[in-house]
Amino acid sequence: MENGPDKGFQQPVVISLDQGGEPIAVRNTRQATDLLLTQWPARRGPRHRDAVDACLKVLDGHRSTVDARNAFIEAAEEAGILVGESAH
C-alpha cells in the first residue's frame, strides 16, 4: 500500500478538528496533506510545519509513509486534536 498513489498508512490516525466534532480517520498521506494545508486549526506550530514537509516529501517519493504518519501524529498532538490511533 505504501507504493500506491495515496501512500496509505498501516493504521489510521483519528483526529477531531472541532471540539466535540465528528472524528476523522486519516488513512493516507494525501488525506493528511490536505488536512494539514486546508483544514488545520489556525494555531500552527513547528510540528505542523514538520508534518507538511514530511507528507510532501512522501508524496514526491523521498520519505517513507511511516515518517509522514509519525509527523502527522506529532502535529495533531501539538494542536490538541489527536483522538487516537485506530487498529482497524
N, C-alpha and C. Protein backbone atom coordinates (compact mmCIF):
# COMPACT_ATOMS: atom_id res chain seq x y z
N MET A 1 0.83 -1.20 0.00
CA MET A 1 0.00 0.00 0.00
C MET A 1 0.86 1.26 0.00
N GLU A 2 2.04 1.19 0.59
CA GLU A 2 2.89 2.36 0.65
C GLU A 2 3.27 2.87 -0.73
N ASN A 3 3.32 2.00 -1.72
CA ASN A 3 3.69 2.41 -3.06
C ASN A 3 2.51 2.90 -3.88
N GLY A 4 1.30 2.84 -3.33
CA GLY A 4 0.12 3.31 -4.05
C GLY A 4 0.11 4.82 -4.18
N PRO A 5 -0.80 5.33 -5.01
CA PRO A 5 -0.81 6.77 -5.26
C PRO A 5 -1.15 7.62 -4.04
N ASP A 6 -1.86 7.05 -3.07
CA ASP A 6 -2.23 7.82 -1.90
C ASP A 6 -1.31 7.59 -0.71
N LYS A 7 -0.35 6.69 -0.84
CA LYS A 7 0.62 6.42 0.23
C LYS A 7 -0.08 6.10 1.54
N GLY A 8 -0.82 4.97 1.57
CA GLY A 8 -1.64 4.60 2.70
C GLY A 8 -0.87 4.33 3.98
N PHE A 9 -1.48 4.69 5.11
CA PHE A 9 -0.93 4.40 6.43
C PHE A 9 -1.28 2.96 6.78
N GLN A 10 -0.41 2.29 7.56
CA GLN A 10 -0.73 0.94 8.02
C GLN A 10 -1.94 0.96 8.94
N GLN A 11 -2.02 1.99 9.79
CA GLN A 11 -3.17 2.16 10.68
C GLN A 11 -3.62 3.61 10.59
N PRO A 12 -4.93 3.85 10.56
CA PRO A 12 -5.42 5.24 10.52
C PRO A 12 -5.06 6.01 11.79
N VAL A 13 -5.00 7.31 11.65
CA VAL A 13 -4.83 8.23 12.77
C VAL A 13 -6.15 8.99 12.90
N VAL A 14 -6.73 9.00 14.10
CA VAL A 14 -8.04 9.62 14.29
C VAL A 14 -7.87 10.98 14.95
N ILE A 15 -8.45 12.00 14.30
CA ILE A 15 -8.40 13.37 14.82
C ILE A 15 -9.82 13.94 14.86
N SER A 16 -9.98 15.03 15.58
CA SER A 16 -11.24 15.78 15.59
C SER A 16 -10.88 17.25 15.46
N LEU A 17 -11.29 17.87 14.36
CA LEU A 17 -10.93 19.26 14.10
C LEU A 17 -11.71 20.25 14.95
N ASP A 18 -12.89 19.85 15.43
CA ASP A 18 -13.74 20.72 16.24
C ASP A 18 -14.00 20.07 17.59
N GLN A 19 -14.12 20.90 18.64
CA GLN A 19 -14.49 20.39 19.96
C GLN A 19 -15.78 19.60 19.83
N GLY A 20 -15.74 18.33 20.18
CA GLY A 20 -16.93 17.51 20.13
C GLY A 20 -17.37 17.17 18.72
N GLY A 21 -16.55 17.50 17.74
CA GLY A 21 -16.89 17.23 16.34
C GLY A 21 -16.73 15.77 15.98
N GLU A 22 -17.16 15.46 14.80
CA GLU A 22 -17.07 14.10 14.28
C GLU A 22 -15.60 13.70 14.10
N PRO A 23 -15.19 12.56 14.63
CA PRO A 23 -13.82 12.11 14.43
C PRO A 23 -13.55 11.81 12.95
N ILE A 24 -12.33 12.08 12.53
CA ILE A 24 -11.90 11.82 11.16
C ILE A 24 -10.79 10.79 11.21
N ALA A 25 -10.96 9.69 10.49
CA ALA A 25 -9.91 8.67 10.38
C ALA A 25 -9.04 9.01 9.18
N VAL A 26 -7.81 9.39 9.44
CA VAL A 26 -6.88 9.77 8.38
C VAL A 26 -6.14 8.51 7.97
N ARG A 27 -6.34 8.09 6.73
CA ARG A 27 -5.87 6.79 6.27
C ARG A 27 -4.67 6.82 5.33
N ASN A 28 -4.30 8.01 4.84
CA ASN A 28 -3.18 8.05 3.90
C ASN A 28 -2.51 9.42 3.89
N THR A 29 -1.38 9.48 3.25
CA THR A 29 -0.58 10.71 3.22
C THR A 29 -1.28 11.82 2.46
N ARG A 30 -1.97 11.49 1.39
CA ARG A 30 -2.67 12.52 0.62
C ARG A 30 -3.76 13.19 1.47
N GLN A 31 -4.53 12.39 2.21
CA GLN A 31 -5.56 12.93 3.10
C GLN A 31 -4.93 13.77 4.20
N ALA A 32 -3.84 13.29 4.78
CA ALA A 32 -3.14 14.04 5.83
C ALA A 32 -2.65 15.38 5.30
N THR A 33 -2.08 15.38 4.10
CA THR A 33 -1.58 16.61 3.50
C THR A 33 -2.70 17.61 3.29
N ASP A 34 -3.83 17.13 2.77
CA ASP A 34 -4.98 18.01 2.54
C ASP A 34 -5.46 18.63 3.85
N LEU A 35 -5.56 17.82 4.89
CA LEU A 35 -5.99 18.34 6.19
C LEU A 35 -5.00 19.36 6.74
N LEU A 36 -3.72 19.05 6.64
CA LEU A 36 -2.68 19.96 7.14
C LEU A 36 -2.70 21.31 6.43
N LEU A 37 -2.96 21.29 5.13
CA LEU A 37 -2.89 22.52 4.33
C LEU A 37 -4.20 23.31 4.28
N THR A 38 -5.34 22.63 4.42
CA THR A 38 -6.61 23.35 4.20
C THR A 38 -7.56 23.38 5.38
N GLN A 39 -7.42 22.47 6.34
CA GLN A 39 -8.42 22.40 7.41
C GLN A 39 -7.83 22.46 8.81
N TRP A 40 -6.53 22.60 8.92
CA TRP A 40 -5.87 22.56 10.23
C TRP A 40 -6.28 23.76 11.07
N PRO A 41 -6.36 23.59 12.39
CA PRO A 41 -6.66 24.73 13.26
C PRO A 41 -5.68 25.89 13.03
N ALA A 42 -6.14 27.09 13.28
CA ALA A 42 -5.35 28.30 13.00
C ALA A 42 -4.02 28.34 13.75
N ARG A 43 -4.01 27.80 14.95
CA ARG A 43 -2.78 27.82 15.75
C ARG A 43 -1.87 26.70 15.28
N ARG A 44 -0.84 27.08 14.52
CA ARG A 44 0.06 26.09 13.93
C ARG A 44 1.47 26.29 14.46
N GLY A 45 2.07 25.21 14.90
CA GLY A 45 3.41 25.28 15.46
C GLY A 45 4.43 24.57 14.60
N PRO A 46 5.61 24.36 15.15
CA PRO A 46 6.69 23.72 14.38
C PRO A 46 6.38 22.29 13.95
N ARG A 47 5.60 21.57 14.73
CA ARG A 47 5.25 20.18 14.35
C ARG A 47 4.35 20.18 13.12
N HIS A 48 3.52 21.21 12.98
CA HIS A 48 2.68 21.32 11.78
C HIS A 48 3.58 21.49 10.56
N ARG A 49 4.54 22.38 10.64
CA ARG A 49 5.47 22.59 9.51
C ARG A 49 6.23 21.31 9.19
N ASP A 50 6.68 20.60 10.22
CA ASP A 50 7.40 19.34 10.01
C ASP A 50 6.51 18.31 9.31
N ALA A 51 5.24 18.25 9.71
CA ALA A 51 4.32 17.28 9.13
C ALA A 51 4.02 17.60 7.66
N VAL A 52 3.83 18.88 7.36
CA VAL A 52 3.61 19.28 5.96
C VAL A 52 4.82 18.86 5.12
N ASP A 53 6.00 19.17 5.62
CA ASP A 53 7.23 18.83 4.90
C ASP A 53 7.34 17.32 4.69
N ALA A 54 7.11 16.55 5.75
CA ALA A 54 7.21 15.09 5.65
C ALA A 54 6.20 14.54 4.66
N CYS A 55 4.96 15.00 4.72
CA CYS A 55 3.93 14.50 3.81
C CYS A 55 4.25 14.82 2.36
N LEU A 56 4.68 16.04 2.10
CA LEU A 56 5.01 16.41 0.72
C LEU A 56 6.19 15.59 0.20
N LYS A 57 7.15 15.32 1.06
CA LYS A 57 8.30 14.51 0.63
C LYS A 57 7.89 13.06 0.38
N VAL A 58 6.94 12.54 1.15
CA VAL A 58 6.43 11.19 0.89
C VAL A 58 5.73 11.16 -0.46
N LEU A 59 4.89 12.14 -0.72
CA LEU A 59 4.17 12.17 -2.00
C LEU A 59 5.13 12.29 -3.18
N ASP A 60 6.28 12.92 -2.96
CA ASP A 60 7.30 13.03 -4.00
C ASP A 60 8.22 11.81 -4.06
N GLY A 61 8.02 10.86 -3.12
CA GLY A 61 8.82 9.64 -3.11
C GLY A 61 10.16 9.74 -2.41
N HIS A 62 10.33 10.76 -1.56
CA HIS A 62 11.62 10.97 -0.90
C HIS A 62 11.66 10.54 0.57
N ARG A 63 10.52 10.19 1.15
CA ARG A 63 10.48 9.73 2.54
C ARG A 63 9.47 8.61 2.65
N SER A 64 9.49 7.91 3.78
CA SER A 64 8.57 6.79 3.96
C SER A 64 7.23 7.25 4.52
N THR A 65 6.21 6.44 4.28
CA THR A 65 4.88 6.71 4.81
C THR A 65 4.90 6.73 6.33
N VAL A 66 5.74 5.91 6.93
CA VAL A 66 5.87 5.88 8.39
C VAL A 66 6.31 7.25 8.89
N ASP A 67 7.24 7.90 8.18
CA ASP A 67 7.68 9.24 8.57
C ASP A 67 6.51 10.22 8.55
N ALA A 68 5.71 10.16 7.49
CA ALA A 68 4.57 11.08 7.37
C ALA A 68 3.56 10.83 8.48
N ARG A 69 3.27 9.58 8.75
CA ARG A 69 2.29 9.24 9.79
C ARG A 69 2.77 9.73 11.15
N ASN A 70 4.03 9.46 11.47
CA ASN A 70 4.57 9.90 12.76
C ASN A 70 4.56 11.42 12.89
N ALA A 71 4.94 12.12 11.83
CA ALA A 71 4.93 13.58 11.87
C ALA A 71 3.51 14.11 12.00
N PHE A 72 2.56 13.46 11.33
CA PHE A 72 1.16 13.87 11.43
C PHE A 72 0.64 13.70 12.86
N ILE A 73 0.98 12.58 13.48
CA ILE A 73 0.58 12.34 14.87
C ILE A 73 1.14 13.42 15.79
N GLU A 74 2.41 13.76 15.62
CA GLU A 74 3.02 14.80 16.45
C GLU A 74 2.34 16.15 16.24
N ALA A 75 2.00 16.47 15.00
CA ALA A 75 1.31 17.74 14.72
C ALA A 75 -0.08 17.74 15.34
N ALA A 76 -0.77 16.61 15.28
CA ALA A 76 -2.11 16.52 15.87
C ALA A 76 -2.04 16.65 17.39
N GLU A 77 -1.03 16.04 18.00
CA GLU A 77 -0.84 16.19 19.44
C GLU A 77 -0.56 17.65 19.80
N GLU A 78 0.31 18.29 19.03
CA GLU A 78 0.65 19.70 19.26
C GLU A 78 -0.60 20.59 19.18
N ALA A 79 -1.48 20.28 18.22
CA ALA A 79 -2.69 21.09 18.02
C ALA A 79 -3.82 20.70 18.98
N GLY A 80 -3.64 19.61 19.73
CA GLY A 80 -4.67 19.16 20.66
C GLY A 80 -5.87 18.54 19.97
N ILE A 81 -5.66 17.94 18.79
CA ILE A 81 -6.79 17.36 18.05
C ILE A 81 -6.68 15.85 17.86
N LEU A 82 -5.64 15.24 18.41
CA LEU A 82 -5.47 13.80 18.28
C LEU A 82 -6.49 13.08 19.15
N VAL A 83 -7.26 12.19 18.53
CA VAL A 83 -8.22 11.37 19.27
C VAL A 83 -7.58 10.03 19.58
N GLY A 84 -6.88 9.47 18.61
CA GLY A 84 -6.21 8.20 18.83
C GLY A 84 -5.73 7.59 17.54
N GLU A 85 -5.23 6.38 17.68
CA GLU A 85 -4.76 5.63 16.53
C GLU A 85 -5.62 4.39 16.43
N SER A 86 -6.16 4.14 15.28
CA SER A 86 -7.05 3.01 15.07
C SER A 86 -6.25 1.76 14.74
N ALA A 87 -6.71 0.64 15.24
CA ALA A 87 -6.08 -0.64 14.91
C ALA A 87 -6.76 -1.28 13.70
N HIS A 88 -7.77 -0.62 13.14
CA HIS A 88 -8.51 -1.19 12.00
C HIS A 88 -7.99 -0.63 10.71
